[in-house]
């Protein structure tokens, strides 16, 4: 993969990349063909990803 990175650097990289899945669902969350309740759920879930990963990001950053 990426030679020379430590375990903590890989963990930090994973924490940075983990919440990016919401960007891939942007089309579904903005399409009028998707029911409003589902669109709202997608928007809420995308915000939770960012908020849930923050403590892990800070822990991994402090470990480095």
C-alpha atoms as a PDB file:
ATOM      1  CA  UNK A   1       0.000   0.000   0.000  1.00  0.00           C
ATOM      2  CA  UNK A   2       1.820   3.037   1.309  1.00  0.00           C
ATOM      3  CA  UNK A   3       5.254   2.055   2.570  1.00  0.00           C
ATOM      4  CA  UNK A   4       6.746   3.826   5.536  1.00  0.00           C
ATOM      5  CA  UNK A   5       3.546   4.773   7.391  1.00  0.00           C
ATOM      6  CA  UNK A   6       3.115   3.764  11.006  1.00  0.00           C
ATOM      7  CA  UNK A   7      -0.008   2.177  12.441  1.00  0.00           C
ATOM      8  CA  UNK A   8      -1.127   5.531  13.896  1.00  0.00           C
ATOM      9  CA  UNK A   9      -0.630   7.254  10.536  1.00  0.00           C
ATOM     10  CA  UNK A  10      -2.757   4.600   8.837  1.00  0.00           C
ATOM     11  CA  UNK A  11      -5.417   5.042  11.535  1.00  0.00           C
ATOM     12  CA  UNK A  12      -5.415   8.809  11.014  1.00  0.00           C
ATOM     13  CA  UNK A  13      -5.678   8.350   7.247  1.00  0.00           C
ATOM     14  CA  UNK A  14      -8.623   5.998   7.771  1.00  0.00           C
ATOM     15  CA  UNK A  15     -10.362   8.503  10.038  1.00  0.00           C
ATOM     16  CA  UNK A  16      -9.933  11.222   7.421  1.00  0.00           C
ATOM     17  CA  UNK A  17     -11.277   9.048   4.597  1.00  0.00           C
ATOM     18  CA  UNK A  18     -14.105   7.338   6.516  1.00  0.00           C
ATOM     19  CA  UNK A  19     -16.791  10.071   6.323  1.00  0.00           C
ATOM     20  CA  UNK A  20     -16.433  10.663   2.576  1.00  0.00           C
ATOM     21  CA  UNK A  21     -19.238   8.225   1.691  1.00  0.00           C
ATOM     22  CA  UNK A  22     -21.853  11.001   2.005  1.00  0.00           C
ATOM     23  CA  UNK A  23     -20.376  12.821  -0.969  1.00  0.00           C
ATOM     24  CA  UNK A  24     -21.053   9.777  -3.109  1.00  0.00           C
ATOM     25  CA  UNK A  25     -24.751   9.871  -2.189  1.00  0.00           C
ATOM     26  CA  UNK A  26     -25.240  13.545  -3.064  1.00  0.00           C
ATOM     27  CA  UNK A  27     -27.288  12.679  -6.148  1.00  0.00           C
ATOM     28  CA  UNK A  28     -29.670  10.503  -4.149  1.00  0.00           C
ATOM     29  CA  UNK A  29     -30.077  13.064  -1.393  1.00  0.00           C
ATOM     30  CA  UNK A  30     -30.923  15.872  -3.807  1.00  0.00           C
ATOM     31  CA  UNK A  31     -33.085  13.980  -6.310  1.00  0.00           C
ATOM     32  CA  UNK A  32     -36.804  14.853  -6.252  1.00  0.00           C
ATOM     33  CA  UNK A  33     -37.546  11.206  -7.142  1.00  0.00           C
ATOM     34  CA  UNK A  34     -36.329  10.123  -3.689  1.00  0.00           C
ATOM     35  CA  UNK A  35     -39.000  10.531  -0.982  1.00  0.00           C
ATOM     36  CA  UNK A  36     -38.412  13.513   1.349  1.00  0.00           C
ATOM     37  CA  UNK A  37     -38.146  11.311   4.444  1.00  0.00           C
ATOM     38  CA  UNK A  38     -35.367   9.252   2.848  1.00  0.00           C
ATOM     39  CA  UNK A  39     -33.540  12.401   1.665  1.00  0.00           C
ATOM     40  CA  UNK A  40     -33.708  13.832   5.178  1.00  0.00           C
ATOM     41  CA  UNK A  41     -32.358  10.575   6.628  1.00  0.00           C
ATOM     42  CA  UNK A  42     -29.428  10.650   4.211  1.00  0.00           C
ATOM     43  CA  UNK A  43     -28.614  14.227   5.181  1.00  0.00           C
ATOM     44  CA  UNK A  44     -28.728  13.429   8.900  1.00  0.00           C
ATOM     45  CA  UNK A  45     -26.581  10.319   8.448  1.00  0.00           C
ATOM     46  CA  UNK A  46     -23.934  12.238   6.525  1.00  0.00           C
ATOM     47  CA  UNK A  47     -23.627  14.732   9.373  1.00  0.00           C
ATOM     48  CA  UNK A  48     -23.330  11.927  11.917  1.00  0.00           C
ATOM     49  CA  UNK A  49     -20.384  10.429  10.058  1.00  0.00           C
ATOM     50  CA  UNK A  50     -18.388  13.624  10.463  1.00  0.00           C
ATOM     51  CA  UNK A  51     -19.320  14.008  14.114  1.00  0.00           C
ATOM     52  CA  UNK A  52     -18.634  10.403  15.060  1.00  0.00           C
ATOM     53  CA  UNK A  53     -15.187  10.293  13.483  1.00  0.00           C
ATOM     54  CA  UNK A  54     -13.922  13.466  15.201  1.00  0.00           C
ATOM     55  CA  UNK A  55     -12.985  11.817  18.546  1.00  0.00           C
ATOM     56  CA  UNK A  56     -11.087   9.069  16.723  1.00  0.00           C
ATOM     57  CA  UNK A  57      -9.325  11.644  14.561  1.00  0.00           C
ATOM     58  CA  UNK A  58      -8.212  13.577  17.643  1.00  0.00           C
ATOM     59  CA  UNK A  59      -7.038  10.427  19.427  1.00  0.00           C
ATOM     60  CA  UNK A  60      -5.022   9.265  16.424  1.00  0.00           C
ATOM     61  CA  UNK A  61      -3.587  12.738  15.935  1.00  0.00           C
ATOM     62  CA  UNK A  62      -2.565  12.933  19.601  1.00  0.00           C
ATOM     63  CA  UNK A  63      -0.961   9.481  19.360  1.00  0.00           C
ATOM     64  CA  UNK A  64       1.244  10.706  16.536  1.00  0.00           C
END
